[in-house]
Amino acid sequence: MRAIIIDDERLARAELKKLLQDFPDIEVIDEAANADEGIAKIENLHPDLIFLDIQMPGKTGFDLLSELERAPQVIFTTAYDEFALKAFEVNALDYLLKPIEPKRLADAVQKLHISEAKENRPSTENINNSLLTDNDQVFVKDGERCWFVKLNEIRLFESVGNYAKVFFGPNKPLILKSLNALEERLDEKTFFRANRKHIVNMRLIEKIEPYFNGGLLIELKGGEKIEVSRRQTVKFKEMMSL
C-alpha cells in the first residue's frame, strides 16, 4: 500500500516514517509539508493512503480533502483532539494524536486492512459491474420502503458517509453504495461527477450559472443547487460544448 505523509513538522514526518518501518506492507512514497504540496503529490502519485496533519500553515487538512475529487484513505495525525468528530464526518479511517503511540498506529493499520478486505469482498456492489443505461430500472430499498425507478428519473446522487442519497421525484432514500461504485456503473454521457459529494443527471439540469473560483452552479429540475468544482468545470464545459 502506497502512502504519503503530509505534515508541516519535519520531525513529525520523520518519526512517523520510522514507526511505519514496522509495517512493510505500507510504503511511504513521498512527503509534503503543506496542503498545496500535498494536493499536487496526491494528484500526481495517486497514493492509496495519506497520513494527514490538520493544523498546517495556510490550508488545513480538511481544506486539502475538500479540494480533492477523489480522496485516498485518510488517517489523521494531529496534536489536537477537538477535531475528532469532524474527522470522522469526512470518513477518516482513524485519528491519531501526537506523539503517536506504536500501539495506536498498529490499530489504525489493522482498520486499514479490514477496510481493504471489505472492499475486495464479493458483494452486491461488485457482483455486476456492467454499465447501466438510461432506461434500466433499478431497485432502491430504504428500510421498509422499496422502489423500482428508471435511471433517467434519478436527478442526483449525494454521498452521505458510506451511503448515497438517491433523488427522484419527491423521494430521497439512502442506499448502501459508495459514490465511486455508482460512478463506475453510470453512463458518463448522462451522469456527471460534479464534485466529491455529488453526481448529477445532466439531462435534468434546469439552469447553469457561473460560480465563485471559476466553478459553476447547477440547478436541477427538483430545485437542488449543486456546485461544480473548478477542476470538474473544465471537463463539464468540454462535454457540453459543440
C-alpha atoms as a PDB file:
ATOM      1  CA  MET A   1       0.000   0.000   0.000  1.00  0.00           C
ATOM      2  CA  ARG A   2       1.491   3.330  -1.126  1.00  0.00           C
ATOM      3  CA  ALA A   3       1.306   6.212   1.342  1.00  0.00           C
ATOM      4  CA  ILE A   4       2.153   9.925   1.554  1.00  0.00           C
ATOM      5  CA  ILE A   5       2.819  11.744   4.841  1.00  0.00           C
ATOM      6  CA  ILE A   6       1.510  15.334   4.894  1.00  0.00           C
ATOM      7  CA  ASP A   7       2.669  17.355   7.904  1.00  0.00           C
ATOM      8  CA  ASP A   8       4.349  20.745   8.273  1.00  0.00           C
ATOM      9  CA  GLU A   9       6.674  19.431  11.015  1.00  0.00           C
ATOM     10  CA  ARG A  10       9.740  17.720   9.573  1.00  0.00           C
ATOM     11  CA  LEU A  11      10.473  15.850  12.806  1.00  0.00           C
ATOM     12  CA  ALA A  12       6.900  14.564  12.980  1.00  0.00           C
ATOM     13  CA  ARG A  13       7.195  13.235   9.408  1.00  0.00           C
ATOM     14  CA  ALA A  14      10.492  11.564  10.240  1.00  0.00           C
ATOM     15  CA  GLU A  15       9.122   9.963  13.410  1.00  0.00           C
ATOM     16  CA  LEU A  16       6.045   8.585  11.642  1.00  0.00           C
ATOM     17  CA  LYS A  17       8.175   7.282   8.789  1.00  0.00           C
ATOM     18  CA  LYS A  18      10.341   5.488  11.340  1.00  0.00           C
ATOM     19  CA  LEU A  19       7.291   3.949  13.063  1.00  0.00           C
ATOM     20  CA  LEU A  20       5.962   2.752   9.716  1.00  0.00           C
ATOM     21  CA  GLN A  21       9.090   0.681   9.136  1.00  0.00           C
ATOM     22  CA  ASP A  22       7.407  -1.941  11.326  1.00  0.00           C
ATOM     23  CA  PHE A  23       4.679  -2.274   8.677  1.00  0.00           C
ATOM     24  CA  PRO A  24       6.379  -3.491   5.471  1.00  0.00           C
ATOM     25  CA  ASP A  25       3.078  -3.567   3.587  1.00  0.00           C
ATOM     26  CA  ILE A  26       2.916   0.245   3.802  1.00  0.00           C
ATOM     27  CA  GLU A  27       5.395   2.015   1.522  1.00  0.00           C
ATOM     28  CA  VAL A  28       5.923   5.731   2.137  1.00  0.00           C
ATOM     29  CA  ILE A  29       6.395   7.044  -1.392  1.00  0.00           C
ATOM     30  CA  ASP A  30       6.633  10.761  -0.596  1.00  0.00           C
ATOM     31  CA  GLU A  31       6.143  13.552   1.946  1.00  0.00           C
ATOM     32  CA  ALA A  32       4.597  17.016   1.847  1.00  0.00           C
ATOM     33  CA  ALA A  33       4.988  19.973   4.213  1.00  0.00           C
ATOM     34  CA  ASN A  34       1.702  21.759   3.464  1.00  0.00           C
ATOM     35  CA  ALA A  35      -1.725  21.261   1.908  1.00  0.00           C
ATOM     36  CA  ASP A  36      -0.942  22.639  -1.558  1.00  0.00           C
ATOM     37  CA  GLU A  37       2.152  20.451  -1.852  1.00  0.00           C
ATOM     38  CA  GLY A  38       0.104  17.509  -0.598  1.00  0.00           C
ATOM     39  CA  ILE A  39      -2.645  18.051  -3.177  1.00  0.00           C
ATOM     40  CA  ALA A  40      -0.104  18.183  -6.010  1.00  0.00           C
ATOM     41  CA  LYS A  41       1.595  14.977  -4.874  1.00  0.00           C
ATOM     42  CA  ILE A  42      -1.703  13.128  -4.342  1.00  0.00           C
ATOM     43  CA  GLU A  43      -2.893  14.039  -7.826  1.00  0.00           C
ATOM     44  CA  ASN A  44       0.459  13.093  -9.367  1.00  0.00           C
ATOM     45  CA  LEU A  45       1.253   9.899  -7.434  1.00  0.00           C
ATOM     46  CA  HIS A  46      -2.258   8.559  -6.615  1.00  0.00           C
ATOM     47  CA  PRO A  47      -1.431   7.059  -3.207  1.00  0.00           C
ATOM     48  CA  ASP A  48      -3.703   4.517  -1.537  1.00  0.00           C
ATOM     49  CA  LEU A  49      -3.334   6.213   1.841  1.00  0.00           C
ATOM     50  CA  ILE A  50      -2.389   9.571   3.322  1.00  0.00           C
ATOM     51  CA  PHE A  51      -1.280  10.361   6.857  1.00  0.00           C
ATOM     52  CA  LEU A  52      -2.627  13.895   7.213  1.00  0.00           C
ATOM     53  CA  ASP A  53      -1.966  16.629   9.772  1.00  0.00           C
ATOM     54  CA  ILE A  54      -4.848  19.057  10.405  1.00  0.00           C
ATOM     55  CA  GLN A  55      -3.307  22.326  11.590  1.00  0.00           C
ATOM     56  CA  MET A  56      -0.832  23.482   8.939  1.00  0.00           C
ATOM     57  CA  PRO A  57       0.169  26.955   7.716  1.00  0.00           C
ATOM     58  CA  GLY A  58      -2.224  28.235   5.084  1.00  0.00           C
ATOM     59  CA  LYS A  59      -4.732  25.456   4.456  1.00  0.00           C
ATOM     60  CA  THR A  60      -5.812  22.813   6.956  1.00  0.00           C
ATOM     61  CA  GLY A  61      -6.002  19.083   6.338  1.00  0.00           C
ATOM     62  CA  PHE A  62      -9.766  19.465   5.911  1.00  0.00           C
ATOM     63  CA  ASP A  63      -9.187  22.134   3.244  1.00  0.00           C
ATOM     64  CA  LEU A  64      -6.905  19.698   1.434  1.00  0.00           C
ATOM     65  CA  LEU A  65      -9.589  16.992   1.363  1.00  0.00           C
ATOM     66  CA  SER A  66     -12.229  19.434   0.132  1.00  0.00           C
ATOM     67  CA  GLU A  67     -10.118  20.202  -2.949  1.00  0.00           C
ATOM     68  CA  LEU A  68      -9.651  16.578  -4.000  1.00  0.00           C
ATOM     69  CA  GLU A  69     -12.054  14.993  -6.451  1.00  0.00           C
ATOM     70  CA  ARG A  70     -11.263  11.536  -5.052  1.00  0.00           C
ATOM     71  CA  ALA A  71      -9.541  11.169  -1.728  1.00  0.00           C
ATOM     72  CA  PRO A  72      -7.435   8.151  -0.788  1.00  0.00           C
ATOM     73  CA  GLN A  73      -7.831   6.508   2.612  1.00  0.00           C
ATOM     74  CA  VAL A  74      -7.089   9.059   5.342  1.00  0.00           C
ATOM     75  CA  ILE A  75      -5.507   8.647   8.762  1.00  0.00           C
ATOM     76  CA  PHE A  76      -5.304  11.966  10.584  1.00  0.00           C
ATOM     77  CA  THR A  77      -2.221  12.689  12.705  1.00  0.00           C
ATOM     78  CA  THR A  78      -2.611  15.729  14.951  1.00  0.00           C
ATOM     79  CA  ALA A  79      -1.739  17.171  18.346  1.00  0.00           C
ATOM     80  CA  TYR A  80      -5.335  18.311  18.892  1.00  0.00           C
ATOM     81  CA  ASP A  81      -8.285  16.138  19.897  1.00  0.00           C
ATOM     82  CA  GLU A  82     -11.070  18.688  19.231  1.00  0.00           C
ATOM     83  CA  PHE A  83     -11.234  17.824  15.513  1.00  0.00           C
ATOM     84  CA  ALA A  84     -12.034  14.133  16.006  1.00  0.00           C
ATOM     85  CA  LEU A  85     -15.770  14.393  15.258  1.00  0.00           C
ATOM     86  CA  LYS A  86     -15.198  16.395  12.078  1.00  0.00           C
ATOM     87  CA  ALA A  87     -12.510  13.923  11.031  1.00  0.00           C
ATOM     88  CA  PHE A  88     -14.961  11.038  11.056  1.00  0.00           C
ATOM     89  CA  GLU A  89     -17.577  13.141   9.257  1.00  0.00           C
ATOM     90  CA  VAL A  90     -15.178  13.178   6.288  1.00  0.00           C
ATOM     91  CA  ASN A  91     -14.827   9.380   6.525  1.00  0.00           C
ATOM     92  CA  ALA A  92     -11.345   9.310   8.043  1.00  0.00           C
ATOM     93  CA  LEU A  93     -10.135   5.804   8.773  1.00  0.00           C
ATOM     94  CA  ASP A  94      -8.575   6.811  12.103  1.00  0.00           C
ATOM     95  CA  TYR A  95      -7.448   9.796  14.177  1.00  0.00           C
ATOM     96  CA  LEU A  96      -4.038   9.551  15.840  1.00  0.00           C
ATOM     97  CA  LEU A  97      -2.890  12.013  18.488  1.00  0.00           C
ATOM     98  CA  LYS A  98       0.739  13.101  18.574  1.00  0.00           C
ATOM     99  CA  PRO A  99       3.065  11.845  19.847  1.00  0.00           C
ATOM    100  CA  ILE A 100       1.846   8.750  18.027  1.00  0.00           C
ATOM    101  CA  GLU A 101       1.945   5.575  20.089  1.00  0.00           C
ATOM    102  CA  PRO A 102       3.058   2.424  18.225  1.00  0.00           C
ATOM    103  CA  LYS A 103       0.016   0.520  19.553  1.00  0.00           C
ATOM    104  CA  ARG A 104      -2.413   3.141  18.184  1.00  0.00           C
ATOM    105  CA  LEU A 105      -0.624   3.114  14.848  1.00  0.00           C
ATOM    106  CA  ALA A 106      -0.921  -0.683  14.757  1.00  0.00           C
ATOM    107  CA  ASP A 107      -4.669  -0.364  15.462  1.00  0.00           C
ATOM    108  CA  ALA A 108      -5.039   2.113  12.611  1.00  0.00           C
ATOM    109  CA  VAL A 109      -3.197  -0.184  10.195  1.00  0.00           C
ATOM    110  CA  GLN A 110      -5.456  -3.031  11.289  1.00  0.00           C
ATOM    111  CA  LYS A 111      -8.502  -0.886  10.477  1.00  0.00           C
ATOM    112  CA  LEU A 112      -6.943  -0.214   7.088  1.00  0.00           C
ATOM    113  CA  HIS A 113      -6.623  -3.946   6.364  1.00  0.00           C
ATOM    114  CA  ILE A 114     -10.210  -4.582   7.481  1.00  0.00           C
ATOM    115  CA  SER A 115     -11.434  -1.794   5.202  1.00  0.00           C
ATOM    116  CA  GLU A 116      -9.463  -3.238   2.274  1.00  0.00           C
ATOM    117  CA  ALA A 117     -10.875  -6.707   2.906  1.00  0.00           C
ATOM    118  CA  LYS A 118     -14.423  -5.347   2.864  1.00  0.00           C
ATOM    119  CA  GLU A 119     -13.809  -3.544  -0.426  1.00  0.00           C
ATOM    120  CA  ASN A 120     -12.372  -6.679  -2.034  1.00  0.00           C
ATOM    121  CA  ARG A 121     -15.094  -8.987  -0.733  1.00  0.00           C
ATOM    122  CA  PRO A 122     -17.692 -10.003  -3.361  1.00  0.00           C
ATOM    123  CA  SER A 123     -20.899  -8.117  -2.678  1.00  0.00           C
ATOM    124  CA  THR A 124     -23.977  -6.771  -4.398  1.00  0.00           C
ATOM    125  CA  GLU A 125     -21.852  -3.725  -5.162  1.00  0.00           C
ATOM    126  CA  ASN A 126     -19.385  -5.530  -7.410  1.00  0.00           C
ATOM    127  CA  ILE A 127     -21.154  -8.712  -8.488  1.00  0.00           C
ATOM    128  CA  ASN A 128     -22.500  -6.916 -11.545  1.00  0.00           C
ATOM    129  CA  ASN A 129     -20.313  -4.122 -12.867  1.00  0.00           C
ATOM    130  CA  SER A 130     -21.990  -3.741 -16.262  1.00  0.00           C
ATOM    131  CA  LEU A 131     -22.800  -0.211 -17.386  1.00  0.00           C
ATOM    132  CA  LEU A 132     -26.393   0.852 -16.743  1.00  0.00           C
ATOM    133  CA  THR A 133     -28.404   2.620 -19.452  1.00  0.00           C
ATOM    134  CA  ASP A 134     -30.932   5.421 -19.063  1.00  0.00           C
ATOM    135  CA  ASN A 135     -33.865   3.064 -19.498  1.00  0.00           C
ATOM    136  CA  ASP A 136     -32.644   0.497 -16.990  1.00  0.00           C
ATOM    137  CA  GLN A 137     -34.881   0.139 -13.978  1.00  0.00           C
ATOM    138  CA  VAL A 138     -33.064  -0.070 -10.658  1.00  0.00           C
ATOM    139  CA  PHE A 139     -34.262  -1.385  -7.322  1.00  0.00           C
ATOM    140  CA  VAL A 140     -33.949   1.055  -4.428  1.00  0.00           C
ATOM    141  CA  LYS A 141     -34.643  -0.017  -0.845  1.00  0.00           C
ATOM    142  CA  ASP A 142     -34.565   2.202   2.251  1.00  0.00           C
ATOM    143  CA  GLY A 143     -35.780   0.481   5.395  1.00  0.00           C
ATOM    144  CA  GLU A 144     -39.236  -0.929   4.709  1.00  0.00           C
ATOM    145  CA  ARG A 145     -39.812   1.176   1.588  1.00  0.00           C
ATOM    146  CA  CYS A 146     -38.893  -0.054  -1.896  1.00  0.00           C
ATOM    147  CA  TRP A 147     -38.979   1.497  -5.350  1.00  0.00           C
ATOM    148  CA  PHE A 148     -38.343   0.393  -8.918  1.00  0.00           C
ATOM    149  CA  VAL A 149     -37.195   3.551 -10.643  1.00  0.00           C
ATOM    150  CA  LYS A 150     -35.862   4.245 -14.126  1.00  0.00           C
ATOM    151  CA  LEU A 151     -32.339   5.580 -14.083  1.00  0.00           C
ATOM    152  CA  ASN A 152     -33.318   8.558 -16.256  1.00  0.00           C
ATOM    153  CA  GLU A 153     -35.696   9.704 -13.495  1.00  0.00           C
ATOM    154  CA  ILE A 154     -32.878   9.969 -10.946  1.00  0.00           C
ATOM    155  CA  ARG A 155     -31.589  13.525 -10.962  1.00  0.00           C
ATOM    156  CA  LEU A 156     -28.926  13.350  -8.255  1.00  0.00           C
ATOM    157  CA  PHE A 157     -26.758  11.020  -6.157  1.00  0.00           C
ATOM    158  CA  GLU A 158     -25.322  12.537  -2.968  1.00  0.00           C
ATOM    159  CA  SER A 159     -22.633  10.963  -0.799  1.00  0.00           C
ATOM    160  CA  VAL A 160     -23.593  10.606   2.871  1.00  0.00           C
ATOM    161  CA  GLY A 161     -20.785   8.787   4.670  1.00  0.00           C
ATOM    162  CA  ASN A 162     -20.820   5.179   3.451  1.00  0.00           C
ATOM    163  CA  TYR A 163     -24.252   5.681   1.869  1.00  0.00           C
ATOM    164  CA  ALA A 164     -25.617   7.508  -1.156  1.00  0.00           C
ATOM    165  CA  LYS A 165     -28.831   9.517  -1.155  1.00  0.00           C
ATOM    166  CA  VAL A 166     -30.849   8.986  -4.344  1.00  0.00           C
ATOM    167  CA  PHE A 167     -33.034  11.879  -5.539  1.00  0.00           C
ATOM    168  CA  PHE A 168     -36.053  11.063  -7.752  1.00  0.00           C
ATOM    169  CA  GLY A 169     -39.469  12.707  -7.673  1.00  0.00           C
ATOM    170  CA  PRO A 170     -40.113  13.745  -4.048  1.00  0.00           C
ATOM    171  CA  ASN A 171     -38.105  10.780  -2.732  1.00  0.00           C
ATOM    172  CA  LYS A 172     -34.593  10.806  -1.227  1.00  0.00           C
ATOM    173  CA  PRO A 173     -33.853   7.270   0.027  1.00  0.00           C
ATOM    174  CA  LEU A 174     -30.422   6.168   1.260  1.00  0.00           C
ATOM    175  CA  ILE A 175     -28.657   3.163  -0.247  1.00  0.00           C
ATOM    176  CA  LEU A 176     -25.526   1.390   0.959  1.00  0.00           C
ATOM    177  CA  LYS A 177     -23.347   2.255  -2.038  1.00  0.00           C
ATOM    178  CA  SER A 178     -20.303   4.441  -2.379  1.00  0.00           C
ATOM    179  CA  LEU A 179     -20.382   7.257  -4.909  1.00  0.00           C
ATOM    180  CA  ASN A 180     -17.276   5.810  -6.610  1.00  0.00           C
ATOM    181  CA  ALA A 181     -19.002   2.442  -7.085  1.00  0.00           C
ATOM    182  CA  LEU A 182     -22.085   4.136  -8.546  1.00  0.00           C
ATOM    183  CA  GLU A 183     -19.979   6.251 -10.883  1.00  0.00           C
ATOM    184  CA  GLU A 184     -18.364   3.138 -12.361  1.00  0.00           C
ATOM    185  CA  ARG A 185     -21.763   1.817 -13.452  1.00  0.00           C
ATOM    186  CA  LEU A 186     -23.318   5.070 -14.680  1.00  0.00           C
ATOM    187  CA  ASP A 187     -23.035   6.334 -18.246  1.00  0.00           C
ATOM    188  CA  GLU A 188     -20.799   9.408 -18.136  1.00  0.00           C
ATOM    189  CA  LYS A 189     -22.706  10.897 -21.077  1.00  0.00           C
ATOM    190  CA  THR A 190     -25.687  11.272 -18.739  1.00  0.00           C
ATOM    191  CA  PHE A 191     -24.335  11.274 -15.188  1.00  0.00           C
ATOM    192  CA  PHE A 192     -21.594  13.731 -14.300  1.00  0.00           C
ATOM    193  CA  ARG A 193     -19.424  13.813 -11.152  1.00  0.00           C
ATOM    194  CA  ALA A 194     -19.843  17.475 -10.193  1.00  0.00           C
ATOM    195  CA  ASN A 195     -17.691  17.270  -7.064  1.00  0.00           C
ATOM    196  CA  ARG A 196     -16.617  14.806  -4.355  1.00  0.00           C
ATOM    197  CA  LYS A 197     -20.149  14.520  -2.953  1.00  0.00           C
ATOM    198  CA  HIS A 198     -22.473  14.720  -5.965  1.00  0.00           C
ATOM    199  CA  ILE A 199     -23.262  13.009  -9.272  1.00  0.00           C
ATOM    200  CA  VAL A 200     -25.872  14.861 -11.351  1.00  0.00           C
ATOM    201  CA  ASN A 201     -28.093  13.786 -14.239  1.00  0.00           C
ATOM    202  CA  MET A 202     -27.146  16.244 -16.991  1.00  0.00           C
ATOM    203  CA  ARG A 203     -30.495  15.727 -18.711  1.00  0.00           C
ATOM    204  CA  LEU A 204     -32.332  17.018 -15.658  1.00  0.00           C
ATOM    205  CA  ILE A 205     -30.406  20.288 -15.338  1.00  0.00           C
ATOM    206  CA  GLU A 206     -32.713  23.302 -15.195  1.00  0.00           C
ATOM    207  CA  LYS A 207     -30.164  26.118 -15.066  1.00  0.00           C
ATOM    208  CA  ILE A 208     -26.391  26.718 -15.082  1.00  0.00           C
ATOM    209  CA  GLU A 209     -24.682  29.868 -13.855  1.00  0.00           C
ATOM    210  CA  PRO A 210     -21.090  30.953 -13.100  1.00  0.00           C
ATOM    211  CA  TYR A 211     -19.942  30.464  -9.517  1.00  0.00           C
ATOM    212  CA  PHE A 212     -17.014  31.750  -7.488  1.00  0.00           C
ATOM    213  CA  ASN A 213     -13.438  30.470  -8.000  1.00  0.00           C
ATOM    214  CA  GLY A 214     -14.184  29.663 -11.642  1.00  0.00           C
ATOM    215  CA  GLY A 215     -16.736  26.959 -10.856  1.00  0.00           C
ATOM    216  CA  LEU A 216     -20.367  26.566 -11.914  1.00  0.00           C
ATOM    217  CA  LEU A 217     -23.653  26.339 -10.038  1.00  0.00           C
ATOM    218  CA  ILE A 218     -26.141  23.832 -11.425  1.00  0.00           C
ATOM    219  CA  GLU A 219     -29.834  23.930 -10.553  1.00  0.00           C
ATOM    220  CA  LEU A 220     -31.665  20.644 -11.119  1.00  0.00           C
ATOM    221  CA  LYS A 221     -35.338  20.221 -12.004  1.00  0.00           C
ATOM    222  CA  GLY A 222     -36.025  19.207  -8.398  1.00  0.00           C
ATOM    223  CA  GLY A 223     -34.681  22.558  -7.181  1.00  0.00           C
ATOM    224  CA  GLU A 224     -31.366  21.266  -5.813  1.00  0.00           C
ATOM    225  CA  LYS A 225     -28.389  23.570  -6.378  1.00  0.00           C
ATOM    226  CA  ILE A 226     -25.066  21.779  -6.853  1.00  0.00           C
ATOM    227  CA  GLU A 227     -21.641  23.363  -7.136  1.00  0.00           C
ATOM    228  CA  VAL A 228     -19.376  22.055  -9.880  1.00  0.00           C
ATOM    229  CA  SER A 229     -15.790  22.142  -8.625  1.00  0.00           C
ATOM    230  CA  ARG A 230     -13.261  24.216 -10.515  1.00  0.00           C
ATOM    231  CA  ARG A 231     -11.492  21.126 -11.875  1.00  0.00           C
ATOM    232  CA  GLN A 232     -14.709  19.443 -12.972  1.00  0.00           C
ATOM    233  CA  THR A 233     -15.987  22.683 -14.563  1.00  0.00           C
ATOM    234  CA  VAL A 234     -13.306  22.352 -17.264  1.00  0.00           C
ATOM    235  CA  LYS A 235     -14.443  18.800 -18.040  1.00  0.00           C
ATOM    236  CA  PHE A 236     -18.120  19.817 -17.921  1.00  0.00           C
ATOM    237  CA  LYS A 237     -17.623  22.633 -20.421  1.00  0.00           C
ATOM    238  CA  GLU A 238     -15.739  20.293 -22.774  1.00  0.00           C
ATOM    239  CA  MET A 239     -18.550  17.736 -22.615  1.00  0.00           C
ATOM    240  CA  MET A 240     -21.308  20.310 -23.171  1.00  0.00           C
ATOM    241  CA  SER A 241     -19.641  22.279 -25.993  1.00  0.00           C
ATOM    242  CA  LEU A 242     -20.073  21.564 -29.705  1.00  0.00           C
END
